[in-house]
């Protein structure tokens, strides 16, 4: 192997490593430019163990909807972020907004119960602040009379509250923080991906088998 070939192989290895490193970096959630402490101050949030920022996308009930939510766990030394997302065949935009929070709230409940086991049953209240750009969803949190057909989702949320999880709902205008823009984009992407998948599933998967008269 001559010197030029050896140098080319080393360059190829370096390019491969850089691509893998770049792919690993892109996998993680983007870091917001606004510091978390500044964001909490702007939203008048004081005691906070978990922070949820979610969004839903959709139109009418007979159409697919997408949802996404960022969960910030601030119970440790440094905040840890998780992203929840998905889509459903049929749902209103309000239902999609609620499901976006229901899944991470169930995850928070799991962590609270596991912590309780480690503490031998000692109950410690956990404050969860929920940020939504849907004024209607925030109103439903305070007015049970307008929950109507979404009552089943609210029943599960009320069950979580009975386990020592204190929920604080906040309204924030659309695109007023980077994580809100992120979940808005992810919820729409999840919805579009689901629509493409359903279109593919609508095509016949198996060709009808032909039999002759003798079977």
N, C-alpha and C. Protein backbone atom coordinates (compact mmCIF):
# COMPACT_ATOMS: atom_id res chain seq x y z
N UNK A 1 0.85 -1.20 0.00
CA UNK A 1 0.00 0.00 0.00
C UNK A 1 0.88 1.25 0.00
N UNK A 2 0.72 2.11 -0.99
CA UNK A 2 1.55 3.30 -1.09
C UNK A 2 1.07 4.37 -0.11
N UNK A 3 1.86 5.42 -0.01
CA UNK A 3 1.58 6.49 0.95
C UNK A 3 0.27 7.21 0.63
N UNK A 4 0.00 7.43 -0.66
CA UNK A 4 -1.20 8.17 -1.05
C UNK A 4 -2.47 7.39 -0.72
N UNK A 5 -2.44 6.06 -0.95
CA UNK A 5 -3.60 5.22 -0.63
C UNK A 5 -3.85 5.19 0.87
N UNK A 6 -2.78 5.07 1.64
CA UNK A 6 -2.90 5.05 3.10
C UNK A 6 -3.49 6.36 3.62
N UNK A 7 -3.07 7.48 3.04
CA UNK A 7 -3.58 8.79 3.45
C UNK A 7 -5.06 8.93 3.11
N UNK A 8 -5.45 8.38 1.94
CA UNK A 8 -6.85 8.43 1.54
C UNK A 8 -7.73 7.63 2.47
N UNK A 9 -7.25 6.46 2.91
CA UNK A 9 -8.00 5.62 3.85
C UNK A 9 -8.19 6.32 5.18
N UNK A 10 -7.13 6.99 5.65
CA UNK A 10 -7.24 7.72 6.92
C UNK A 10 -8.25 8.85 6.80
N UNK A 11 -8.24 9.55 5.67
CA UNK A 11 -9.21 10.62 5.45
C UNK A 11 -10.64 10.10 5.43
N UNK A 12 -10.83 8.93 4.80
CA UNK A 12 -12.17 8.32 4.75
C UNK A 12 -12.66 7.94 6.14
N UNK A 13 -11.74 7.41 6.96
CA UNK A 13 -12.11 7.05 8.33
C UNK A 13 -12.51 8.29 9.13
N UNK A 14 -11.74 9.37 8.94
CA UNK A 14 -12.05 10.61 9.66
C UNK A 14 -13.40 11.17 9.24
N UNK A 15 -13.71 11.11 7.94
CA UNK A 15 -15.01 11.58 7.44
C UNK A 15 -16.14 10.75 8.02
N UNK A 16 -15.95 9.42 8.08
CA UNK A 16 -16.96 8.52 8.65
C UNK A 16 -17.21 8.84 10.12
N UNK A 17 -16.13 9.06 10.88
CA UNK A 17 -16.28 9.40 12.30
C UNK A 17 -17.01 10.72 12.48
N UNK A 18 -16.68 11.70 11.62
CA UNK A 18 -17.34 13.01 11.71
C UNK A 18 -18.83 12.90 11.42
N UNK A 19 -19.19 12.06 10.42
CA UNK A 19 -20.60 11.87 10.09
C UNK A 19 -21.34 11.21 11.24
N UNK A 20 -20.72 10.20 11.86
CA UNK A 20 -21.35 9.53 13.00
C UNK A 20 -21.53 10.49 14.17
N UNK A 21 -20.50 11.32 14.40
CA UNK A 21 -20.58 12.30 15.49
C UNK A 21 -21.67 13.31 15.22
N UNK A 22 -21.77 13.77 13.95
CA UNK A 22 -22.79 14.74 13.59
C UNK A 22 -24.18 14.15 13.74
N UNK A 23 -24.34 12.87 13.33
CA UNK A 23 -25.63 12.20 13.46
C UNK A 23 -26.02 12.06 14.92
N UNK A 24 -25.04 11.79 15.78
CA UNK A 24 -25.31 11.67 17.21
C UNK A 24 -25.74 13.00 17.80
N UNK A 25 -25.11 14.08 17.36
CA UNK A 25 -25.46 15.41 17.85
C UNK A 25 -26.86 15.79 17.41
N UNK A 26 -27.21 15.50 16.16
CA UNK A 26 -28.51 15.86 15.62
C UNK A 26 -29.64 15.09 16.27
N UNK A 27 -29.32 13.93 16.87
CA UNK A 27 -30.36 13.13 17.50
C UNK A 27 -30.91 13.82 18.73
N UNK A 28 -30.07 14.55 19.43
CA UNK A 28 -30.49 15.19 20.68
C UNK A 28 -31.37 16.41 20.40
N UNK A 29 -32.19 16.75 21.39
CA UNK A 29 -33.04 17.92 21.26
C UNK A 29 -32.18 19.18 21.21
N UNK A 30 -32.59 20.16 20.40
CA UNK A 30 -31.81 21.40 20.32
C UNK A 30 -31.82 22.14 21.66
N UNK A 31 -30.71 22.78 21.94
CA UNK A 31 -30.58 23.54 23.19
C UNK A 31 -31.15 24.93 22.97
N UNK A 32 -32.18 25.33 23.75
CA UNK A 32 -32.77 26.67 23.57
C UNK A 32 -31.75 27.76 23.90
N UNK A 33 -31.86 28.87 23.19
CA UNK A 33 -30.96 29.99 23.44
C UNK A 33 -31.29 30.66 24.77
N UNK A 34 -32.59 30.69 25.10
CA UNK A 34 -33.00 31.30 26.37
C UNK A 34 -32.72 30.34 27.52
N UNK A 35 -32.07 30.83 28.55
CA UNK A 35 -31.76 29.99 29.70
C UNK A 35 -33.04 29.58 30.42
N UNK A 36 -33.00 28.38 31.00
CA UNK A 36 -34.18 27.86 31.68
C UNK A 36 -34.60 28.77 32.83
N UNK A 37 -33.62 29.29 33.56
CA UNK A 37 -33.94 30.16 34.70
C UNK A 37 -34.67 31.43 34.24
N UNK A 38 -34.26 31.96 33.09
CA UNK A 38 -34.91 33.15 32.54
C UNK A 38 -36.33 32.82 32.08
N UNK A 39 -36.49 31.64 31.48
CA UNK A 39 -37.83 31.24 31.02
C UNK A 39 -38.78 31.06 32.20
N UNK A 40 -38.31 30.41 33.27
CA UNK A 40 -39.16 30.22 34.46
C UNK A 40 -39.53 31.56 35.08
N UNK A 41 -38.58 32.48 35.08
CA UNK A 41 -38.86 33.81 35.62
C UNK A 41 -39.89 34.54 34.76
N UNK A 42 -39.76 34.39 33.44
CA UNK A 42 -40.70 35.05 32.53
C UNK A 42 -42.11 34.50 32.69
N UNK A 43 -42.23 33.19 33.00
CA UNK A 43 -43.54 32.57 33.18
C UNK A 43 -44.02 32.64 34.63
N UNK A 44 -43.27 33.32 35.51
CA UNK A 44 -43.61 33.46 36.93
C UNK A 44 -43.73 32.10 37.61
N UNK A 45 -42.82 31.19 37.29
CA UNK A 45 -42.79 29.85 37.87
C UNK A 45 -41.72 29.82 38.94
N UNK A 46 -42.11 29.41 40.14
CA UNK A 46 -41.17 29.35 41.26
C UNK A 46 -40.79 27.89 41.56
N UNK A 47 -41.59 27.23 42.38
CA UNK A 47 -41.27 25.84 42.72
C UNK A 47 -41.69 24.93 41.56
N UNK A 48 -40.73 24.19 41.02
CA UNK A 48 -41.02 23.36 39.85
C UNK A 48 -40.14 22.12 39.86
N UNK A 49 -40.77 20.95 39.81
CA UNK A 49 -40.05 19.69 39.72
C UNK A 49 -40.06 19.14 38.29
N UNK A 50 -41.17 19.37 37.59
CA UNK A 50 -41.28 18.93 36.19
C UNK A 50 -41.93 20.05 35.38
N UNK A 51 -41.46 20.18 34.14
CA UNK A 51 -42.01 21.19 33.23
C UNK A 51 -42.42 20.51 31.93
N UNK A 52 -43.65 20.77 31.50
CA UNK A 52 -44.16 20.19 30.26
C UNK A 52 -44.49 21.31 29.27
N UNK A 53 -44.00 21.16 28.04
CA UNK A 53 -44.34 22.08 26.96
C UNK A 53 -44.82 21.22 25.80
N UNK A 54 -46.11 21.31 25.47
CA UNK A 54 -46.67 20.43 24.45
C UNK A 54 -47.50 21.16 23.42
N UNK A 55 -47.88 20.40 22.38
CA UNK A 55 -48.72 20.96 21.33
C UNK A 55 -49.37 19.82 20.56
N UNK A 56 -50.49 20.15 19.91
CA UNK A 56 -51.19 19.17 19.07
C UNK A 56 -51.50 19.78 17.72
N UNK A 57 -51.69 18.94 16.73
CA UNK A 57 -52.04 19.41 15.39
C UNK A 57 -53.17 18.55 14.84
N UNK A 58 -54.09 19.17 14.17
CA UNK A 58 -55.22 18.43 13.61
C UNK A 58 -56.30 19.40 13.16
N UNK A 59 -57.45 18.86 12.81
CA UNK A 59 -58.56 19.70 12.37
C UNK A 59 -59.87 19.14 12.94
N UNK A 60 -60.56 18.33 12.14
CA UNK A 60 -61.84 17.78 12.59
C UNK A 60 -61.66 16.36 13.11
N UNK A 61 -62.67 15.87 13.83
CA UNK A 61 -62.58 14.58 14.49
C UNK A 61 -62.31 13.44 13.52
N UNK A 62 -62.85 13.51 12.31
CA UNK A 62 -62.69 12.39 11.38
C UNK A 62 -61.33 12.39 10.69
N UNK A 63 -60.46 13.34 11.03
CA UNK A 63 -59.13 13.42 10.42
C UNK A 63 -58.04 13.06 11.44
N UNK A 64 -56.87 12.58 10.97
CA UNK A 64 -55.78 12.26 11.90
C UNK A 64 -55.25 13.49 12.62
N UNK A 65 -54.67 13.26 13.79
CA UNK A 65 -54.07 14.33 14.59
C UNK A 65 -52.72 13.87 15.11
N UNK A 66 -51.83 14.84 15.31
CA UNK A 66 -50.52 14.55 15.88
C UNK A 66 -50.31 15.31 17.18
N UNK A 67 -49.36 14.86 17.98
CA UNK A 67 -49.10 15.52 19.25
C UNK A 67 -47.62 15.36 19.60
N UNK A 68 -47.12 16.27 20.43
CA UNK A 68 -45.73 16.22 20.90
C UNK A 68 -45.61 16.99 22.19
N UNK A 69 -44.69 16.57 23.03
CA UNK A 69 -44.49 17.24 24.32
C UNK A 69 -43.05 17.03 24.79
N UNK A 70 -42.44 18.09 25.29
CA UNK A 70 -41.12 18.00 25.92
C UNK A 70 -41.31 17.97 27.43
N UNK A 71 -40.70 16.98 28.07
CA UNK A 71 -40.72 16.85 29.52
C UNK A 71 -39.34 17.21 30.06
N UNK A 72 -39.31 18.19 30.95
CA UNK A 72 -38.08 18.57 31.63
C UNK A 72 -38.17 18.12 33.08
N UNK A 73 -37.30 17.18 33.43
CA UNK A 73 -37.23 16.65 34.80
C UNK A 73 -36.18 17.45 35.55
N UNK A 74 -36.62 18.23 36.53
CA UNK A 74 -35.71 19.09 37.28
C UNK A 74 -35.53 18.64 38.72
N UNK A 75 -35.75 17.34 38.96
CA UNK A 75 -35.60 16.80 40.31
C UNK A 75 -34.15 16.50 40.65
N UNK A 76 -33.29 16.45 39.62
CA UNK A 76 -31.87 16.17 39.86
C UNK A 76 -31.03 17.44 39.85
N UNK A 77 -29.71 17.25 39.76
CA UNK A 77 -28.80 18.39 39.75
C UNK A 77 -28.94 19.19 38.46
N UNK A 78 -29.15 18.48 37.33
CA UNK A 78 -29.31 19.14 36.04
C UNK A 78 -30.62 18.70 35.40
N UNK A 79 -31.32 19.60 34.70
CA UNK A 79 -32.56 19.21 34.03
C UNK A 79 -32.30 18.15 32.95
N UNK A 80 -33.21 17.18 32.89
CA UNK A 80 -33.12 16.11 31.89
C UNK A 80 -34.36 16.20 31.01
N UNK A 81 -34.15 16.17 29.68
CA UNK A 81 -35.27 16.36 28.75
C UNK A 81 -35.63 15.06 28.05
N UNK A 82 -36.93 14.87 27.85
CA UNK A 82 -37.47 13.77 27.06
C UNK A 82 -38.49 14.33 26.09
N UNK A 83 -38.61 13.69 24.93
CA UNK A 83 -39.58 14.12 23.93
C UNK A 83 -40.59 13.00 23.70
N UNK A 84 -41.86 13.32 23.86
CA UNK A 84 -42.96 12.39 23.59
C UNK A 84 -43.69 12.86 22.34
N UNK A 85 -44.03 11.92 21.46
CA UNK A 85 -44.76 12.32 20.25
C UNK A 85 -45.49 11.11 19.68
N UNK A 86 -46.47 11.39 18.84
CA UNK A 86 -47.24 10.32 18.22
C UNK A 86 -48.41 10.89 17.43
N UNK A 87 -49.27 10.00 16.96
CA UNK A 87 -50.43 10.40 16.16
C UNK A 87 -51.56 9.40 16.36
N UNK A 88 -52.78 9.84 16.10
CA UNK A 88 -53.96 8.99 16.20
C UNK A 88 -54.79 9.13 14.92
N UNK A 89 -55.56 8.10 14.65
CA UNK A 89 -56.34 8.08 13.40
C UNK A 89 -57.37 9.20 13.34
N UNK A 90 -58.12 9.36 14.43
CA UNK A 90 -59.20 10.35 14.45
C UNK A 90 -59.22 11.06 15.80
N UNK A 91 -59.16 12.37 15.75
CA UNK A 91 -59.21 13.15 17.00
C UNK A 91 -59.33 14.62 16.66
N UNK A 92 -59.98 15.36 17.54
CA UNK A 92 -60.04 16.81 17.40
C UNK A 92 -58.71 17.41 17.84
N UNK A 93 -58.50 18.66 17.52
CA UNK A 93 -57.27 19.33 17.92
C UNK A 93 -57.18 19.43 19.44
N UNK A 94 -58.32 19.64 20.12
CA UNK A 94 -58.31 19.73 21.58
C UNK A 94 -57.91 18.40 22.22
N UNK A 95 -58.39 17.30 21.65
CA UNK A 95 -58.02 15.99 22.17
C UNK A 95 -56.53 15.73 21.96
N UNK A 96 -56.00 16.13 20.80
CA UNK A 96 -54.58 15.95 20.53
C UNK A 96 -53.74 16.76 21.51
N UNK A 97 -54.19 17.96 21.84
CA UNK A 97 -53.47 18.79 22.81
C UNK A 97 -53.42 18.09 24.18
N UNK A 98 -54.52 17.47 24.58
CA UNK A 98 -54.57 16.81 25.88
C UNK A 98 -53.72 15.56 25.91
N UNK A 99 -53.78 14.75 24.85
CA UNK A 99 -52.99 13.52 24.80
C UNK A 99 -51.49 13.84 24.86
N UNK A 100 -51.11 14.98 24.29
CA UNK A 100 -49.71 15.40 24.34
C UNK A 100 -49.21 15.49 25.78
N UNK A 101 -50.08 15.89 26.71
CA UNK A 101 -49.70 16.01 28.11
C UNK A 101 -49.98 14.74 28.90
N UNK A 102 -50.95 13.96 28.47
CA UNK A 102 -51.33 12.77 29.22
C UNK A 102 -50.18 11.77 29.30
N UNK A 103 -49.50 11.53 28.20
CA UNK A 103 -48.42 10.54 28.18
C UNK A 103 -47.26 10.93 29.11
N UNK A 104 -46.71 12.15 29.01
CA UNK A 104 -45.64 12.51 29.96
C UNK A 104 -46.12 12.59 31.41
N UNK A 105 -47.40 12.92 31.63
CA UNK A 105 -47.91 12.93 33.00
C UNK A 105 -47.94 11.51 33.58
N UNK A 106 -48.26 10.54 32.76
CA UNK A 106 -48.21 9.14 33.21
C UNK A 106 -46.77 8.72 33.52
N UNK A 107 -45.83 9.23 32.74
CA UNK A 107 -44.42 8.95 33.01
C UNK A 107 -43.99 9.60 34.33
N UNK A 108 -44.45 10.81 34.58
CA UNK A 108 -44.15 11.48 35.85
C UNK A 108 -44.74 10.69 37.01
N UNK A 109 -45.97 10.20 36.85
CA UNK A 109 -46.60 9.39 37.90
C UNK A 109 -45.76 8.16 38.20
N UNK A 110 -45.25 7.51 37.15
CA UNK A 110 -44.39 6.34 37.36
C UNK A 110 -43.15 6.70 38.17
N UNK A 111 -42.53 7.83 37.85
CA UNK A 111 -41.33 8.24 38.58
C UNK A 111 -41.66 8.60 40.03
N UNK A 112 -42.81 9.23 40.24
CA UNK A 112 -43.22 9.59 41.60
C UNK A 112 -43.46 8.34 42.44
N UNK A 113 -44.12 7.34 41.87
CA UNK A 113 -44.39 6.10 42.61
C UNK A 113 -43.11 5.32 42.89
N UNK A 114 -42.18 5.33 41.93
CA UNK A 114 -40.89 4.66 42.16
C UNK A 114 -40.11 5.36 43.27
N UNK A 115 -40.16 6.68 43.29
CA UNK A 115 -39.48 7.45 44.34
C UNK A 115 -40.12 7.15 45.70
N UNK A 116 -41.44 6.99 45.70
CA UNK A 116 -42.15 6.69 46.94
C UNK A 116 -41.75 5.33 47.49
N UNK A 117 -41.53 4.38 46.60
CA UNK A 117 -41.08 3.06 47.04
C UNK A 117 -39.71 3.13 47.70
N UNK A 118 -38.82 3.91 47.08
CA UNK A 118 -37.47 4.05 47.63
C UNK A 118 -37.50 4.74 48.98
N UNK A 119 -38.48 5.64 49.18
CA UNK A 119 -38.60 6.38 50.45
C UNK A 119 -39.54 5.69 51.44
N UNK A 120 -39.85 4.41 51.17
CA UNK A 120 -40.69 3.60 52.07
C UNK A 120 -42.06 4.22 52.31
N UNK A 121 -42.67 4.67 51.22
CA UNK A 121 -44.04 5.16 51.29
C UNK A 121 -44.20 6.62 51.66
N UNK A 122 -43.10 7.32 51.89
CA UNK A 122 -43.19 8.73 52.25
C UNK A 122 -43.68 9.54 51.04
N UNK A 123 -44.71 10.34 51.26
CA UNK A 123 -45.30 11.12 50.17
C UNK A 123 -44.64 12.50 50.11
N UNK A 124 -44.09 12.81 48.94
CA UNK A 124 -43.54 14.13 48.68
C UNK A 124 -44.28 14.72 47.49
N UNK A 125 -44.85 15.88 47.69
CA UNK A 125 -45.61 16.51 46.60
C UNK A 125 -44.66 17.01 45.52
N UNK A 126 -45.08 16.80 44.27
CA UNK A 126 -44.28 17.23 43.13
C UNK A 126 -45.07 18.25 42.32
N UNK A 127 -44.44 19.38 42.04
CA UNK A 127 -45.09 20.46 41.29
C UNK A 127 -44.76 20.30 39.81
N UNK A 128 -45.81 20.21 38.99
CA UNK A 128 -45.66 20.07 37.55
C UNK A 128 -46.28 21.30 36.89
N UNK A 129 -45.50 22.02 36.12
CA UNK A 129 -45.99 23.20 35.41
C UNK A 129 -46.16 22.85 33.94
N UNK A 130 -47.35 23.10 33.42
CA UNK A 130 -47.73 22.72 32.06
C UNK A 130 -47.92 23.99 31.24
N UNK A 131 -47.15 24.09 30.15
CA UNK A 131 -47.21 25.25 29.27
C UNK A 131 -47.97 24.85 28.01
N UNK A 132 -49.02 25.62 27.68
CA UNK A 132 -49.81 25.33 26.48
C UNK A 132 -50.12 26.62 25.74
N UNK A 133 -50.13 26.53 24.40
CA UNK A 133 -50.53 27.69 23.62
C UNK A 133 -52.02 27.64 23.26
N UNK A 134 -52.72 26.67 23.86
CA UNK A 134 -54.16 26.54 23.65
C UNK A 134 -54.90 27.15 24.83
N UNK A 135 -55.53 28.27 24.60
CA UNK A 135 -56.28 28.94 25.67
C UNK A 135 -57.44 28.06 26.15
N UNK A 136 -58.03 27.29 25.23
CA UNK A 136 -59.17 26.44 25.58
C UNK A 136 -58.74 25.31 26.52
N UNK A 137 -57.58 24.72 26.27
CA UNK A 137 -57.09 23.63 27.13
C UNK A 137 -56.84 24.15 28.54
N UNK A 138 -56.23 25.32 28.65
CA UNK A 138 -55.95 25.90 29.97
C UNK A 138 -57.26 26.21 30.69
N UNK A 139 -58.27 26.69 29.95
CA UNK A 139 -59.57 26.95 30.57
C UNK A 139 -60.23 25.67 31.06
N UNK A 140 -60.08 24.58 30.29
CA UNK A 140 -60.67 23.30 30.71
C UNK A 140 -60.07 22.80 32.02
N UNK A 141 -58.80 23.15 32.27
CA UNK A 141 -58.16 22.72 33.52
C UNK A 141 -58.85 23.30 34.74
N UNK A 142 -59.43 24.50 34.60
CA UNK A 142 -60.08 25.18 35.72
C UNK A 142 -61.61 25.04 35.71
N UNK A 143 -62.18 24.67 34.55
CA UNK A 143 -63.64 24.61 34.43
C UNK A 143 -64.06 23.23 33.93
N UNK A 144 -64.47 22.40 34.87
CA UNK A 144 -64.88 21.04 34.51
C UNK A 144 -66.13 21.02 33.63
N UNK A 145 -66.90 22.09 33.66
CA UNK A 145 -68.17 22.12 32.92
C UNK A 145 -67.96 22.15 31.41
N UNK A 146 -66.76 22.53 30.93
CA UNK A 146 -66.54 22.61 29.48
C UNK A 146 -65.68 21.46 28.97
N UNK A 147 -65.43 20.45 29.81
CA UNK A 147 -64.59 19.33 29.38
C UNK A 147 -65.34 18.37 28.46
N UNK A 148 -66.60 18.18 28.70
CA UNK A 148 -67.51 17.44 27.85
C UNK A 148 -66.92 16.12 27.36
N UNK A 149 -66.74 15.99 26.03
CA UNK A 149 -66.35 14.71 25.44
C UNK A 149 -64.91 14.32 25.74
N UNK A 150 -64.11 15.24 26.28
CA UNK A 150 -62.75 14.90 26.67
C UNK A 150 -62.64 14.49 28.14
N UNK A 151 -63.76 14.19 28.75
CA UNK A 151 -63.80 13.91 30.18
C UNK A 151 -62.95 12.69 30.55
N UNK A 152 -62.88 11.69 29.66
CA UNK A 152 -62.10 10.49 29.97
C UNK A 152 -60.63 10.84 30.17
N UNK A 153 -60.10 11.71 29.32
CA UNK A 153 -58.71 12.14 29.47
C UNK A 153 -58.52 12.90 30.77
N UNK A 154 -59.49 13.77 31.08
CA UNK A 154 -59.38 14.55 32.31
C UNK A 154 -59.50 13.66 33.55
N UNK A 155 -60.26 12.58 33.47
CA UNK A 155 -60.36 11.65 34.60
C UNK A 155 -58.99 11.04 34.93
N UNK A 156 -58.23 10.70 33.89
CA UNK A 156 -56.89 10.13 34.13
C UNK A 156 -55.96 11.19 34.72
N UNK A 157 -56.12 12.44 34.28
CA UNK A 157 -55.30 13.52 34.82
C UNK A 157 -55.65 13.78 36.29
N UNK A 158 -56.94 13.73 36.62
CA UNK A 158 -57.36 13.90 38.01
C UNK A 158 -56.83 12.76 38.89
N UNK A 159 -56.75 11.55 38.34
CA UNK A 159 -56.19 10.42 39.08
C UNK A 159 -54.73 10.66 39.41
N UNK A 160 -53.99 11.23 38.46
CA UNK A 160 -52.58 11.54 38.69
C UNK A 160 -52.44 12.58 39.80
N UNK A 161 -53.34 13.56 39.82
CA UNK A 161 -53.29 14.60 40.84
C UNK A 161 -53.51 14.03 42.24
N UNK A 162 -54.30 12.97 42.34
CA UNK A 162 -54.57 12.37 43.66
C UNK A 162 -53.36 11.62 44.21
N UNK A 163 -52.31 11.47 43.43
CA UNK A 163 -51.10 10.80 43.89
C UNK A 163 -50.02 11.79 44.35
N UNK A 164 -50.42 13.00 44.66
CA UNK A 164 -49.47 13.99 45.17
C UNK A 164 -48.79 14.80 44.08
N UNK A 165 -49.36 14.78 42.87
CA UNK A 165 -48.81 15.57 41.76
C UNK A 165 -49.65 16.83 41.61
N UNK A 166 -49.05 17.98 41.86
CA UNK A 166 -49.75 19.26 41.81
C UNK A 166 -49.52 19.89 40.44
N UNK A 167 -50.60 20.12 39.71
CA UNK A 167 -50.51 20.64 38.36
C UNK A 167 -50.77 22.15 38.32
N UNK A 168 -49.93 22.85 37.58
CA UNK A 168 -50.09 24.29 37.36
C UNK A 168 -50.15 24.51 35.85
N UNK A 169 -51.25 25.08 35.37
CA UNK A 169 -51.44 25.28 33.95
C UNK A 169 -51.13 26.73 33.58
N UNK A 170 -50.38 26.92 32.50
CA UNK A 170 -50.00 28.26 32.05
C UNK A 170 -50.30 28.39 30.55
N UNK A 171 -50.87 29.51 30.17
CA UNK A 171 -51.06 29.79 28.74
C UNK A 171 -49.91 30.64 28.24
N UNK A 172 -49.42 30.30 27.07
CA UNK A 172 -48.36 31.07 26.44
C UNK A 172 -48.66 31.17 24.94
N UNK A 173 -48.54 32.35 24.38
CA UNK A 173 -48.81 32.53 22.96
C UNK A 173 -47.92 31.67 22.08
N UNK A 174 -48.41 31.35 20.90
CA UNK A 174 -47.67 30.49 19.98
C UNK A 174 -46.32 31.10 19.61
N UNK A 175 -45.32 30.20 19.56
CA UNK A 175 -43.96 30.55 19.12
C UNK A 175 -43.31 31.60 20.01
N UNK A 176 -43.61 31.58 21.31
CA UNK A 176 -42.97 32.51 22.23
C UNK A 176 -41.80 31.88 22.97
N UNK A 177 -41.53 30.61 22.69
CA UNK A 177 -40.31 29.97 23.18
C UNK A 177 -39.92 28.88 22.18
N UNK A 178 -38.65 28.54 22.16
CA UNK A 178 -38.13 27.62 21.14
C UNK A 178 -38.67 26.20 21.29
N UNK A 179 -38.89 25.77 22.52
CA UNK A 179 -39.42 24.42 22.71
C UNK A 179 -40.87 24.32 22.25
N UNK A 180 -41.61 25.43 22.34
CA UNK A 180 -42.97 25.43 21.80
C UNK A 180 -42.94 25.30 20.28
N UNK A 181 -42.00 25.96 19.65
CA UNK A 181 -41.84 25.83 18.20
C UNK A 181 -41.45 24.41 17.83
N UNK A 182 -40.61 23.79 18.67
CA UNK A 182 -40.18 22.41 18.41
C UNK A 182 -41.35 21.44 18.45
N UNK A 183 -42.15 21.49 19.52
CA UNK A 183 -43.25 20.53 19.64
C UNK A 183 -44.33 20.79 18.60
N UNK A 184 -44.48 22.04 18.19
CA UNK A 184 -45.42 22.35 17.11
C UNK A 184 -44.97 21.67 15.82
N UNK A 185 -43.68 21.76 15.51
CA UNK A 185 -43.16 21.14 14.29
C UNK A 185 -43.23 19.62 14.38
N UNK A 186 -42.90 19.05 15.54
CA UNK A 186 -42.91 17.59 15.69
C UNK A 186 -44.33 17.03 15.61
N UNK A 187 -45.30 17.73 16.20
CA UNK A 187 -46.69 17.25 16.15
C UNK A 187 -47.20 17.25 14.71
N UNK A 188 -46.84 18.26 13.93
CA UNK A 188 -47.26 18.30 12.53
C UNK A 188 -46.56 17.22 11.71
N UNK A 189 -45.28 16.98 12.01
CA UNK A 189 -44.54 15.93 11.32
C UNK A 189 -45.13 14.55 11.64
N UNK A 190 -45.50 14.33 12.91
CA UNK A 190 -46.10 13.06 13.30
C UNK A 190 -47.43 12.85 12.58
N UNK A 191 -48.19 13.92 12.46
CA UNK A 191 -49.49 13.83 11.76
C UNK A 191 -49.31 13.51 10.28
N UNK A 192 -48.37 14.21 9.63
CA UNK A 192 -48.13 13.95 8.21
C UNK A 192 -47.60 12.54 7.97
N UNK A 193 -46.71 12.08 8.86
CA UNK A 193 -46.17 10.72 8.73
C UNK A 193 -47.27 9.69 8.88
N UNK A 194 -48.19 9.93 9.80
CA UNK A 194 -49.30 9.00 10.01
C UNK A 194 -50.23 8.97 8.78
N UNK A 195 -50.47 10.13 8.19
CA UNK A 195 -51.32 10.19 6.99
C UNK A 195 -50.68 9.40 5.85
N UNK A 196 -49.36 9.55 5.66
CA UNK A 196 -48.67 8.80 4.60
C UNK A 196 -48.74 7.30 4.87
N UNK A 197 -48.58 6.92 6.13
CA UNK A 197 -48.65 5.51 6.49
C UNK A 197 -50.04 4.93 6.21
N UNK A 198 -51.07 5.69 6.58
CA UNK A 198 -52.43 5.21 6.36
C UNK A 198 -52.76 5.08 4.88
N UNK A 199 -52.19 5.96 4.05
CA UNK A 199 -52.40 5.86 2.61
C UNK A 199 -51.77 4.59 2.06
N UNK A 200 -50.60 4.26 2.60
CA UNK A 200 -49.95 3.01 2.17
C UNK A 200 -50.74 1.79 2.63
N UNK A 201 -51.29 1.86 3.84
CA UNK A 201 -52.06 0.73 4.37
C UNK A 201 -53.37 0.55 3.62
N UNK A 202 -53.85 1.62 2.98
CA UNK A 202 -55.12 1.52 2.24
C UNK A 202 -54.97 0.67 0.99
N UNK A 203 -53.74 0.51 0.50
CA UNK A 203 -53.52 -0.32 -0.67
C UNK A 203 -53.57 -1.80 -0.27
N UNK A 204 -54.02 -2.68 -1.17
CA UNK A 204 -54.08 -4.12 -0.84
C UNK A 204 -52.69 -4.68 -0.59
N UNK A 205 -52.54 -5.35 0.54
CA UNK A 205 -51.24 -5.92 0.91
C UNK A 205 -51.03 -7.27 0.22
N UNK A 206 -52.07 -8.09 0.24
CA UNK A 206 -51.98 -9.41 -0.36
C UNK A 206 -52.80 -9.45 -1.64
N UNK A 207 -52.24 -10.07 -2.67
CA UNK A 207 -52.99 -10.27 -3.91
C UNK A 207 -53.91 -11.46 -3.72
N UNK A 208 -55.15 -11.37 -4.23
CA UNK A 208 -56.06 -12.51 -4.08
C UNK A 208 -55.51 -13.75 -4.77
N UNK A 209 -55.59 -14.86 -4.05
CA UNK A 209 -55.03 -16.11 -4.56
C UNK A 209 -56.02 -16.78 -5.52
N UNK A 210 -55.52 -17.23 -6.63
CA UNK A 210 -56.38 -17.87 -7.63
C UNK A 210 -56.29 -19.39 -7.49
N UNK A 211 -57.42 -20.02 -7.52
CA UNK A 211 -57.49 -21.48 -7.43
C UNK A 211 -58.14 -22.02 -8.69
N UNK A 212 -57.66 -23.15 -9.15
CA UNK A 212 -58.33 -23.79 -10.26
C UNK A 212 -59.49 -24.65 -9.74
N UNK A 213 -60.21 -25.19 -10.61
CA UNK A 213 -61.42 -25.94 -10.20
C UNK A 213 -61.09 -27.17 -9.40
N UNK A 214 -59.85 -27.70 -9.57
CA UNK A 214 -59.48 -28.90 -8.83
C UNK A 214 -59.03 -28.56 -7.41
N UNK A 215 -58.98 -27.26 -7.10
CA UNK A 215 -58.61 -26.84 -5.75
C UNK A 215 -57.12 -26.78 -5.57
